[in-house]
Amino acid sequence: MTLPSVARPRPVDEASRRAWDIAAQVVDPEIPVLTIEDLGVLRSVAVGEGGAVTVSLTPTYSGCPALEAMRDDVTSALRAAGYADVSVDLVLAPAWTTDWMSEEGKAKLQEYGIAAPTGHSSVRPSGAVRLQLAVKCPRCSSLNTRELARFGSTSCKALYECRDCLEPFDYFKVL
């Protein structure tokens, strides 16, 4: 079984690249320091005949409550830039993975106080045991941390506590 490509090819034609650049600036409504491009949910942008724009988004998970806000924000940004005909499609396959996050996005998370996902997601053969590695505190860089709750402020994050600086923090889970 092969893993989905991490690369999100930028459009080749100038019109689609311009529309991509506009959509790529839309911020994630739950983590405002990340753009949807940083997060890896912006999958494709194409400008068709007559200037119609089609954008594809893959949510971090199918029940993501921020998806409607992302769709509305992308539509608004493109319409503000002069595109009258905009459609935003939801694409569930292949499923989003933290491997699609940009390195710049992971650095932004860390600076914001959210521990960025470490490692890579992978397809595990049947019977494999997944190990939980230590999560580094985004405030003091200590590895002396513990999980308080599997789900944090959003379903894609877990709540951790640093045992050294005693601060709680979110950890963006590897998915």
N, C-alpha and C. Protein backbone atom coordinates (compact mmCIF):
# COMPACT_ATOMS: atom_id res chain seq x y z
N MET A 1 0.85 -1.17 0.00
CA MET A 1 0.00 0.00 0.00
C MET A 1 0.90 1.24 0.00
N THR A 2 0.59 2.21 -0.84
CA THR A 2 1.39 3.43 -0.89
C THR A 2 0.68 4.55 -0.15
N LEU A 3 1.48 5.43 0.38
CA LEU A 3 0.93 6.58 1.10
C LEU A 3 0.58 7.68 0.11
N PRO A 4 -0.40 8.51 0.42
CA PRO A 4 -0.72 9.62 -0.46
C PRO A 4 0.45 10.60 -0.50
N SER A 5 0.56 11.28 -1.61
CA SER A 5 1.63 12.25 -1.78
C SER A 5 1.45 13.41 -0.81
N VAL A 6 2.56 13.86 -0.25
CA VAL A 6 2.54 15.01 0.64
C VAL A 6 2.50 16.29 -0.19
N ALA A 7 3.12 16.25 -1.35
CA ALA A 7 3.22 17.44 -2.19
C ALA A 7 1.85 17.85 -2.71
N ARG A 8 1.59 19.12 -2.65
CA ARG A 8 0.39 19.69 -3.24
C ARG A 8 0.88 20.54 -4.40
N PRO A 9 0.80 20.01 -5.60
CA PRO A 9 1.34 20.76 -6.74
C PRO A 9 0.61 22.07 -6.94
N ARG A 10 1.38 23.13 -7.03
CA ARG A 10 0.79 24.43 -7.34
C ARG A 10 0.33 24.41 -8.80
N PRO A 11 -0.71 25.13 -9.09
CA PRO A 11 -1.22 25.16 -10.46
C PRO A 11 -0.15 25.64 -11.44
N VAL A 12 -0.25 25.16 -12.67
CA VAL A 12 0.72 25.50 -13.71
C VAL A 12 0.37 26.82 -14.38
N ASP A 13 -0.90 27.04 -14.66
CA ASP A 13 -1.27 28.25 -15.39
C ASP A 13 -1.33 29.46 -14.45
N GLU A 14 -1.07 30.62 -15.01
CA GLU A 14 -0.98 31.87 -14.23
C GLU A 14 -2.28 32.21 -13.51
N ALA A 15 -3.42 32.05 -14.16
CA ALA A 15 -4.71 32.39 -13.54
C ALA A 15 -4.97 31.53 -12.31
N SER A 16 -4.69 30.24 -12.41
CA SER A 16 -4.90 29.35 -11.27
C SER A 16 -3.89 29.61 -10.16
N ARG A 17 -2.65 29.95 -10.52
CA ARG A 17 -1.64 30.29 -9.49
C ARG A 17 -2.07 31.52 -8.71
N ARG A 18 -2.61 32.52 -9.42
CA ARG A 18 -3.07 33.73 -8.74
C ARG A 18 -4.20 33.40 -7.76
N ALA A 19 -5.15 32.59 -8.19
CA ALA A 19 -6.26 32.20 -7.31
C ALA A 19 -5.75 31.36 -6.14
N TRP A 20 -4.78 30.47 -6.38
CA TRP A 20 -4.17 29.67 -5.31
C TRP A 20 -3.58 30.60 -4.25
N ASP A 21 -2.80 31.60 -4.71
CA ASP A 21 -2.14 32.52 -3.78
C ASP A 21 -3.14 33.24 -2.89
N ILE A 22 -4.30 33.56 -3.43
CA ILE A 22 -5.35 34.22 -2.65
C ILE A 22 -5.93 33.23 -1.63
N ALA A 23 -6.32 32.06 -2.09
CA ALA A 23 -6.90 31.04 -1.19
C ALA A 23 -5.90 30.61 -0.12
N ALA A 24 -4.63 30.55 -0.47
CA ALA A 24 -3.59 30.08 0.45
C ALA A 24 -3.42 31.00 1.66
N GLN A 25 -3.88 32.24 1.56
CA GLN A 25 -3.75 33.20 2.66
C GLN A 25 -4.87 33.09 3.69
N VAL A 26 -5.89 32.31 3.41
CA VAL A 26 -7.00 32.15 4.35
C VAL A 26 -6.49 31.44 5.60
N VAL A 27 -6.80 31.98 6.76
CA VAL A 27 -6.32 31.39 8.01
C VAL A 27 -7.29 30.34 8.53
N ASP A 28 -6.74 29.39 9.25
CA ASP A 28 -7.54 28.36 9.89
C ASP A 28 -8.35 29.03 11.01
N PRO A 29 -9.67 28.84 11.06
CA PRO A 29 -10.48 29.51 12.08
C PRO A 29 -10.21 29.03 13.51
N GLU A 30 -9.64 27.84 13.68
CA GLU A 30 -9.36 27.33 15.02
C GLU A 30 -7.94 27.65 15.49
N ILE A 31 -7.03 27.78 14.54
CA ILE A 31 -5.63 28.08 14.87
C ILE A 31 -5.21 29.25 13.98
N PRO A 32 -5.49 30.48 14.39
CA PRO A 32 -5.34 31.63 13.51
C PRO A 32 -3.91 31.98 13.09
N VAL A 33 -2.91 31.29 13.60
CA VAL A 33 -1.54 31.54 13.14
C VAL A 33 -1.20 30.70 11.91
N LEU A 34 -2.08 29.75 11.56
CA LEU A 34 -1.86 28.90 10.40
C LEU A 34 -2.77 29.28 9.25
N THR A 35 -2.23 29.24 8.04
CA THR A 35 -3.09 29.37 6.87
C THR A 35 -3.55 27.97 6.49
N ILE A 36 -4.56 27.91 5.63
CA ILE A 36 -5.01 26.59 5.19
C ILE A 36 -3.95 25.91 4.33
N GLU A 37 -3.05 26.70 3.75
CA GLU A 37 -1.92 26.10 3.02
C GLU A 37 -0.92 25.51 4.02
N ASP A 38 -0.59 26.24 5.10
CA ASP A 38 0.30 25.72 6.14
C ASP A 38 -0.23 24.39 6.67
N LEU A 39 -1.52 24.36 6.91
CA LEU A 39 -2.16 23.18 7.49
C LEU A 39 -2.24 22.02 6.51
N GLY A 40 -2.19 22.33 5.22
CA GLY A 40 -2.24 21.28 4.21
C GLY A 40 -3.63 20.88 3.79
N VAL A 41 -4.64 21.67 4.15
CA VAL A 41 -6.00 21.34 3.75
C VAL A 41 -6.36 21.92 2.38
N LEU A 42 -5.58 22.89 1.89
CA LEU A 42 -5.79 23.42 0.55
C LEU A 42 -5.17 22.43 -0.43
N ARG A 43 -6.01 21.74 -1.19
CA ARG A 43 -5.52 20.67 -2.06
C ARG A 43 -5.31 21.11 -3.49
N SER A 44 -6.26 21.87 -4.04
CA SER A 44 -6.10 22.31 -5.43
C SER A 44 -6.94 23.55 -5.69
N VAL A 45 -6.51 24.31 -6.70
CA VAL A 45 -7.23 25.49 -7.15
C VAL A 45 -7.11 25.51 -8.67
N ALA A 46 -8.24 25.67 -9.33
CA ALA A 46 -8.24 25.74 -10.80
C ALA A 46 -9.19 26.83 -11.26
N VAL A 47 -8.73 27.59 -12.25
CA VAL A 47 -9.58 28.60 -12.87
C VAL A 47 -9.94 28.06 -14.25
N GLY A 48 -11.24 27.88 -14.47
CA GLY A 48 -11.73 27.33 -15.73
C GLY A 48 -12.14 28.41 -16.71
N GLU A 49 -12.79 27.97 -17.75
CA GLU A 49 -13.28 28.90 -18.76
C GLU A 49 -14.26 29.87 -18.14
N GLY A 50 -14.17 31.10 -18.56
CA GLY A 50 -15.07 32.12 -18.04
C GLY A 50 -14.66 32.61 -16.66
N GLY A 51 -13.54 32.16 -16.14
CA GLY A 51 -13.04 32.64 -14.85
C GLY A 51 -13.61 31.94 -13.64
N ALA A 52 -14.35 30.85 -13.82
CA ALA A 52 -14.90 30.11 -12.68
C ALA A 52 -13.75 29.45 -11.90
N VAL A 53 -13.77 29.61 -10.58
CA VAL A 53 -12.72 29.04 -9.72
C VAL A 53 -13.28 27.86 -8.95
N THR A 54 -12.53 26.75 -8.98
CA THR A 54 -12.88 25.57 -8.19
C THR A 54 -11.74 25.30 -7.23
N VAL A 55 -12.05 25.24 -5.95
CA VAL A 55 -11.07 25.00 -4.90
C VAL A 55 -11.43 23.68 -4.23
N SER A 56 -10.41 22.87 -3.95
CA SER A 56 -10.63 21.62 -3.21
C SER A 56 -9.95 21.70 -1.86
N LEU A 57 -10.70 21.36 -0.81
CA LEU A 57 -10.18 21.33 0.55
C LEU A 57 -10.35 19.92 1.11
N THR A 58 -9.35 19.46 1.85
CA THR A 58 -9.45 18.19 2.57
C THR A 58 -9.36 18.53 4.05
N PRO A 59 -10.44 18.33 4.80
CA PRO A 59 -10.42 18.69 6.22
C PRO A 59 -9.51 17.78 7.03
N THR A 60 -9.10 18.26 8.18
CA THR A 60 -8.24 17.45 9.05
C THR A 60 -8.93 16.17 9.48
N TYR A 61 -10.23 16.21 9.58
CA TYR A 61 -11.04 15.00 9.77
C TYR A 61 -12.44 15.31 9.26
N SER A 62 -13.19 14.29 8.92
CA SER A 62 -14.47 14.50 8.21
C SER A 62 -15.49 15.30 9.02
N GLY A 63 -15.40 15.28 10.33
CA GLY A 63 -16.35 16.01 11.17
C GLY A 63 -15.83 17.36 11.63
N CYS A 64 -14.81 17.87 10.99
CA CYS A 64 -14.18 19.13 11.41
C CYS A 64 -15.20 20.27 11.42
N PRO A 65 -15.43 20.89 12.58
CA PRO A 65 -16.43 21.96 12.66
C PRO A 65 -15.97 23.25 11.97
N ALA A 66 -14.69 23.36 11.66
CA ALA A 66 -14.16 24.58 11.04
C ALA A 66 -14.32 24.57 9.52
N LEU A 67 -14.73 23.45 8.96
CA LEU A 67 -14.78 23.33 7.50
C LEU A 67 -15.70 24.37 6.85
N GLU A 68 -16.87 24.59 7.41
CA GLU A 68 -17.80 25.57 6.82
C GLU A 68 -17.19 26.97 6.86
N ALA A 69 -16.52 27.31 7.96
CA ALA A 69 -15.88 28.62 8.05
C ALA A 69 -14.77 28.74 7.01
N MET A 70 -13.98 27.67 6.83
CA MET A 70 -12.92 27.69 5.81
C MET A 70 -13.52 27.89 4.43
N ARG A 71 -14.58 27.14 4.13
CA ARG A 71 -15.24 27.25 2.83
C ARG A 71 -15.74 28.68 2.60
N ASP A 72 -16.39 29.26 3.60
CA ASP A 72 -16.89 30.63 3.48
C ASP A 72 -15.76 31.64 3.33
N ASP A 73 -14.68 31.45 4.09
CA ASP A 73 -13.56 32.39 4.03
C ASP A 73 -12.84 32.33 2.68
N VAL A 74 -12.68 31.12 2.13
CA VAL A 74 -12.06 30.98 0.80
C VAL A 74 -12.94 31.64 -0.24
N THR A 75 -14.22 31.38 -0.18
CA THR A 75 -15.16 31.99 -1.13
C THR A 75 -15.11 33.51 -1.03
N SER A 76 -15.14 34.03 0.18
CA SER A 76 -15.11 35.49 0.39
C SER A 76 -13.81 36.10 -0.13
N ALA A 77 -12.68 35.46 0.15
CA ALA A 77 -11.39 35.99 -0.28
C ALA A 77 -11.30 36.04 -1.80
N LEU A 78 -11.76 35.00 -2.45
CA LEU A 78 -11.69 34.97 -3.91
C LEU A 78 -12.68 35.95 -4.54
N ARG A 79 -13.86 36.08 -3.97
CA ARG A 79 -14.83 37.05 -4.49
C ARG A 79 -14.33 38.48 -4.29
N ALA A 80 -13.68 38.74 -3.16
CA ALA A 80 -13.11 40.06 -2.91
C ALA A 80 -12.01 40.39 -3.91
N ALA A 81 -11.36 39.36 -4.42
CA ALA A 81 -10.29 39.55 -5.41
C ALA A 81 -10.83 39.63 -6.84
N GLY A 82 -12.17 39.58 -7.00
CA GLY A 82 -12.76 39.76 -8.31
C GLY A 82 -13.27 38.51 -8.99
N TYR A 83 -13.20 37.36 -8.32
CA TYR A 83 -13.74 36.13 -8.91
C TYR A 83 -15.21 36.01 -8.52
N ALA A 84 -16.09 36.06 -9.51
CA ALA A 84 -17.53 36.02 -9.23
C ALA A 84 -18.05 34.61 -9.03
N ASP A 85 -17.50 33.65 -9.77
CA ASP A 85 -17.99 32.27 -9.75
C ASP A 85 -16.99 31.39 -9.00
N VAL A 86 -17.28 31.09 -7.74
CA VAL A 86 -16.37 30.32 -6.89
C VAL A 86 -17.10 29.13 -6.32
N SER A 87 -16.48 27.95 -6.43
CA SER A 87 -17.03 26.77 -5.75
C SER A 87 -15.90 26.13 -4.95
N VAL A 88 -16.25 25.68 -3.76
CA VAL A 88 -15.28 25.04 -2.89
C VAL A 88 -15.79 23.62 -2.62
N ASP A 89 -15.00 22.66 -3.04
CA ASP A 89 -15.38 21.25 -2.90
C ASP A 89 -14.64 20.60 -1.73
N LEU A 90 -15.33 19.72 -1.07
CA LEU A 90 -14.77 18.93 0.01
C LEU A 90 -14.26 17.62 -0.58
N VAL A 91 -12.98 17.31 -0.32
CA VAL A 91 -12.37 16.08 -0.82
C VAL A 91 -11.92 15.26 0.39
N LEU A 92 -12.50 14.07 0.56
CA LEU A 92 -12.18 13.23 1.72
C LEU A 92 -11.14 12.15 1.44
N ALA A 93 -10.84 11.89 0.18
CA ALA A 93 -9.86 10.84 -0.15
C ALA A 93 -8.82 11.40 -1.12
N PRO A 94 -7.55 11.22 -0.81
CA PRO A 94 -7.06 10.53 0.37
C PRO A 94 -7.30 11.39 1.62
N ALA A 95 -7.39 10.72 2.75
CA ALA A 95 -7.62 11.40 4.02
C ALA A 95 -6.43 12.29 4.37
N TRP A 96 -6.74 13.43 4.99
CA TRP A 96 -5.70 14.37 5.43
C TRP A 96 -4.78 13.69 6.43
N THR A 97 -3.55 14.08 6.44
CA THR A 97 -2.56 13.60 7.39
C THR A 97 -1.67 14.76 7.82
N THR A 98 -1.13 14.68 9.00
CA THR A 98 -0.23 15.74 9.48
C THR A 98 1.03 15.83 8.62
N ASP A 99 1.29 14.81 7.82
CA ASP A 99 2.42 14.88 6.88
C ASP A 99 2.22 16.01 5.87
N TRP A 100 0.98 16.43 5.66
CA TRP A 100 0.69 17.49 4.70
C TRP A 100 0.95 18.89 5.26
N MET A 101 1.19 19.00 6.56
CA MET A 101 1.49 20.31 7.15
C MET A 101 2.87 20.77 6.68
N SER A 102 2.99 22.05 6.44
CA SER A 102 4.29 22.59 6.03
C SER A 102 5.20 22.70 7.26
N GLU A 103 6.49 22.68 7.01
CA GLU A 103 7.45 22.86 8.10
C GLU A 103 7.28 24.25 8.71
N GLU A 104 6.98 25.24 7.87
CA GLU A 104 6.73 26.59 8.36
C GLU A 104 5.50 26.60 9.28
N GLY A 105 4.48 25.85 8.90
CA GLY A 105 3.29 25.74 9.73
C GLY A 105 3.58 25.10 11.07
N LYS A 106 4.39 24.06 11.07
CA LYS A 106 4.77 23.41 12.34
C LYS A 106 5.55 24.36 13.23
N ALA A 107 6.41 25.18 12.63
CA ALA A 107 7.16 26.17 13.41
C ALA A 107 6.21 27.23 13.98
N LYS A 108 5.21 27.63 13.20
CA LYS A 108 4.22 28.60 13.68
C LYS A 108 3.44 28.04 14.87
N LEU A 109 3.08 26.76 14.80
CA LEU A 109 2.38 26.12 15.92
C LEU A 109 3.22 26.21 17.19
N GLN A 110 4.48 25.83 17.06
CA GLN A 110 5.40 25.84 18.21
C GLN A 110 5.49 27.23 18.83
N GLU A 111 5.65 28.25 17.98
CA GLU A 111 5.73 29.63 18.46
C GLU A 111 4.43 30.08 19.14
N TYR A 112 3.32 29.53 18.70
CA TYR A 112 2.00 29.87 19.23
C TYR A 112 1.71 29.17 20.56
N GLY A 113 2.53 28.16 20.89
CA GLY A 113 2.35 27.44 22.14
C GLY A 113 1.65 26.10 21.99
N ILE A 114 1.56 25.60 20.77
CA ILE A 114 0.99 24.28 20.51
C ILE A 114 2.13 23.38 20.04
N ALA A 115 2.31 22.26 20.70
CA ALA A 115 3.35 21.33 20.29
C ALA A 115 2.99 20.78 18.91
N ALA A 116 3.91 20.94 17.97
CA ALA A 116 3.68 20.47 16.60
C ALA A 116 3.76 18.95 16.54
N PRO A 117 3.08 18.35 15.57
CA PRO A 117 3.17 16.89 15.44
C PRO A 117 4.60 16.47 15.12
N THR A 118 5.01 15.39 15.72
CA THR A 118 6.36 14.87 15.47
C THR A 118 6.24 13.53 14.78
N GLY A 119 7.19 13.21 13.96
CA GLY A 119 7.14 11.95 13.24
C GLY A 119 6.21 12.06 12.04
N HIS A 120 5.97 10.93 11.43
CA HIS A 120 5.12 10.87 10.24
C HIS A 120 4.04 9.85 10.44
N SER A 121 2.89 10.11 9.84
CA SER A 121 1.85 9.11 9.87
C SER A 121 2.28 8.00 8.92
N SER A 122 1.71 6.86 9.10
CA SER A 122 2.05 5.77 8.19
C SER A 122 0.96 4.72 8.24
N VAL A 123 0.95 3.91 7.21
CA VAL A 123 0.04 2.77 7.20
C VAL A 123 0.79 1.67 7.93
N ARG A 124 0.19 1.18 9.01
CA ARG A 124 0.85 0.16 9.82
C ARG A 124 0.32 -1.21 9.46
N PRO A 125 1.22 -2.17 9.34
CA PRO A 125 0.73 -3.52 9.08
C PRO A 125 -0.08 -4.02 10.26
N SER A 126 -0.96 -4.94 10.00
CA SER A 126 -1.80 -5.51 11.04
C SER A 126 -0.94 -6.08 12.16
N GLY A 127 -1.30 -5.80 13.38
CA GLY A 127 -0.59 -6.33 14.53
C GLY A 127 0.51 -5.44 15.06
N ALA A 128 0.84 -4.35 14.35
CA ALA A 128 1.91 -3.47 14.81
C ALA A 128 1.45 -2.71 16.04
N VAL A 129 2.37 -2.42 16.92
CA VAL A 129 2.08 -1.68 18.14
C VAL A 129 2.59 -0.26 17.97
N ARG A 130 1.72 0.70 18.18
CA ARG A 130 2.10 2.10 18.08
C ARG A 130 2.62 2.57 19.43
N LEU A 131 3.81 3.13 19.45
CA LEU A 131 4.40 3.64 20.68
C LEU A 131 4.14 5.13 20.81
N GLN A 132 3.89 5.59 21.99
CA GLN A 132 3.73 7.01 22.24
C GLN A 132 5.07 7.55 22.71
N LEU A 133 5.65 8.45 21.94
CA LEU A 133 6.91 9.06 22.32
C LEU A 133 6.64 10.31 23.15
N ALA A 134 7.65 10.78 23.83
CA ALA A 134 7.50 11.99 24.64
C ALA A 134 7.18 13.18 23.74
N VAL A 135 6.36 14.08 24.24
CA VAL A 135 5.99 15.29 23.54
C VAL A 135 6.73 16.44 24.20
N LYS A 136 7.45 17.22 23.40
CA LYS A 136 8.25 18.34 23.92
C LYS A 136 7.35 19.52 24.23
N CYS A 137 7.53 20.09 25.41
CA CYS A 137 6.79 21.28 25.81
C CYS A 137 7.16 22.44 24.89
N PRO A 138 6.16 23.13 24.32
CA PRO A 138 6.47 24.25 23.43
C PRO A 138 6.96 25.50 24.18
N ARG A 139 6.84 25.50 25.50
CA ARG A 139 7.26 26.66 26.27
C ARG A 139 8.68 26.54 26.79
N CYS A 140 9.03 25.38 27.36
CA CYS A 140 10.36 25.24 27.96
C CYS A 140 11.20 24.14 27.31
N SER A 141 10.64 23.44 26.33
CA SER A 141 11.32 22.37 25.57
C SER A 141 11.60 21.10 26.38
N SER A 142 11.00 20.98 27.53
CA SER A 142 11.18 19.77 28.35
C SER A 142 10.45 18.59 27.71
N LEU A 143 11.03 17.42 27.87
CA LEU A 143 10.36 16.19 27.44
C LEU A 143 9.63 15.53 28.60
N ASN A 144 9.68 16.14 29.77
CA ASN A 144 9.02 15.63 30.96
C ASN A 144 7.57 16.09 30.95
N THR A 145 6.78 15.48 30.06
CA THR A 145 5.38 15.87 29.88
C THR A 145 4.49 14.65 30.01
N ARG A 146 3.20 14.92 30.19
CA ARG A 146 2.24 13.81 30.26
C ARG A 146 0.93 14.24 29.62
N GLU A 147 0.25 13.26 29.05
CA GLU A 147 -1.05 13.50 28.43
C GLU A 147 -2.11 13.58 29.52
N LEU A 148 -2.88 14.66 29.49
CA LEU A 148 -3.99 14.82 30.43
C LEU A 148 -5.30 14.33 29.83
N ALA A 149 -5.48 14.60 28.53
CA ALA A 149 -6.71 14.20 27.85
C ALA A 149 -6.39 13.93 26.38
N ARG A 150 -6.91 12.85 25.84
CA ARG A 150 -6.64 12.47 24.45
C ARG A 150 -7.18 13.52 23.49
N PHE A 151 -8.24 14.24 23.89
CA PHE A 151 -8.79 15.29 23.05
C PHE A 151 -8.66 16.60 23.79
N GLY A 152 -8.08 17.59 23.12
CA GLY A 152 -7.86 18.91 23.71
C GLY A 152 -8.92 19.89 23.26
N SER A 153 -8.49 21.10 22.92
CA SER A 153 -9.43 22.15 22.54
C SER A 153 -10.15 21.83 21.23
N THR A 154 -9.56 20.97 20.41
CA THR A 154 -10.21 20.45 19.21
C THR A 154 -9.87 18.97 19.12
N SER A 155 -10.59 18.24 18.31
CA SER A 155 -10.39 16.79 18.22
C SER A 155 -9.04 16.40 17.67
N CYS A 156 -8.41 17.28 16.91
CA CYS A 156 -7.11 16.95 16.32
C CYS A 156 -5.95 17.26 17.28
N LYS A 157 -6.26 17.72 18.48
CA LYS A 157 -5.22 18.03 19.45
C LYS A 157 -5.48 17.26 20.76
N ALA A 158 -4.41 16.96 21.47
CA ALA A 158 -4.50 16.34 22.79
C ALA A 158 -4.03 17.37 23.81
N LEU A 159 -4.51 17.26 25.03
CA LEU A 159 -4.11 18.16 26.10
C LEU A 159 -2.98 17.53 26.90
N TYR A 160 -1.87 18.24 27.02
CA TYR A 160 -0.70 17.77 27.77
C TYR A 160 -0.37 18.75 28.88
N GLU A 161 0.48 18.28 29.79
CA GLU A 161 1.00 19.11 30.87
C GLU A 161 2.50 18.89 30.95
N CYS A 162 3.23 19.98 31.13
CA CYS A 162 4.67 19.88 31.34
C CYS A 162 4.91 19.72 32.84
N ARG A 163 5.65 18.71 33.20
CA ARG A 163 5.94 18.46 34.62
C ARG A 163 7.05 19.35 35.14
N ASP A 164 7.77 20.04 34.25
CA ASP A 164 8.84 20.94 34.69
C ASP A 164 8.34 22.37 34.88
N CYS A 165 7.71 22.95 33.86
CA CYS A 165 7.23 24.33 34.00
C CYS A 165 5.78 24.38 34.47
N LEU A 166 5.12 23.21 34.56
CA LEU A 166 3.76 23.04 35.06
C LEU A 166 2.68 23.68 34.19
N GLU A 167 3.02 24.00 32.95
CA GLU A 167 2.06 24.62 32.04
C GLU A 167 1.32 23.56 31.23
N PRO A 168 0.02 23.73 31.06
CA PRO A 168 -0.71 22.85 30.13
C PRO A 168 -0.48 23.35 28.70
N PHE A 169 -0.59 22.46 27.74
CA PHE A 169 -0.45 22.86 26.33
C PHE A 169 -1.14 21.85 25.44
N ASP A 170 -1.53 22.30 24.26
CA ASP A 170 -2.09 21.41 23.25
C ASP A 170 -0.98 20.77 22.46
N TYR A 171 -1.21 19.54 22.03
CA TYR A 171 -0.30 18.83 21.14
C TYR A 171 -1.10 18.45 19.91
N PHE A 172 -0.66 18.91 18.75
CA PHE A 172 -1.34 18.58 17.50
C PHE A 172 -0.95 17.15 17.16
N LYS A 173 -1.91 16.24 17.27
CA LYS A 173 -1.64 14.81 17.13
C LYS A 173 -1.20 14.44 15.72
N VAL A 174 -0.33 13.44 15.63
CA VAL A 174 0.05 12.88 14.34
C VAL A 174 -1.12 12.05 13.85
N LEU A 175 -1.64 12.40 12.71
CA LEU A 175 -2.78 11.68 12.14
C LEU A 175 -2.41 11.15 10.78
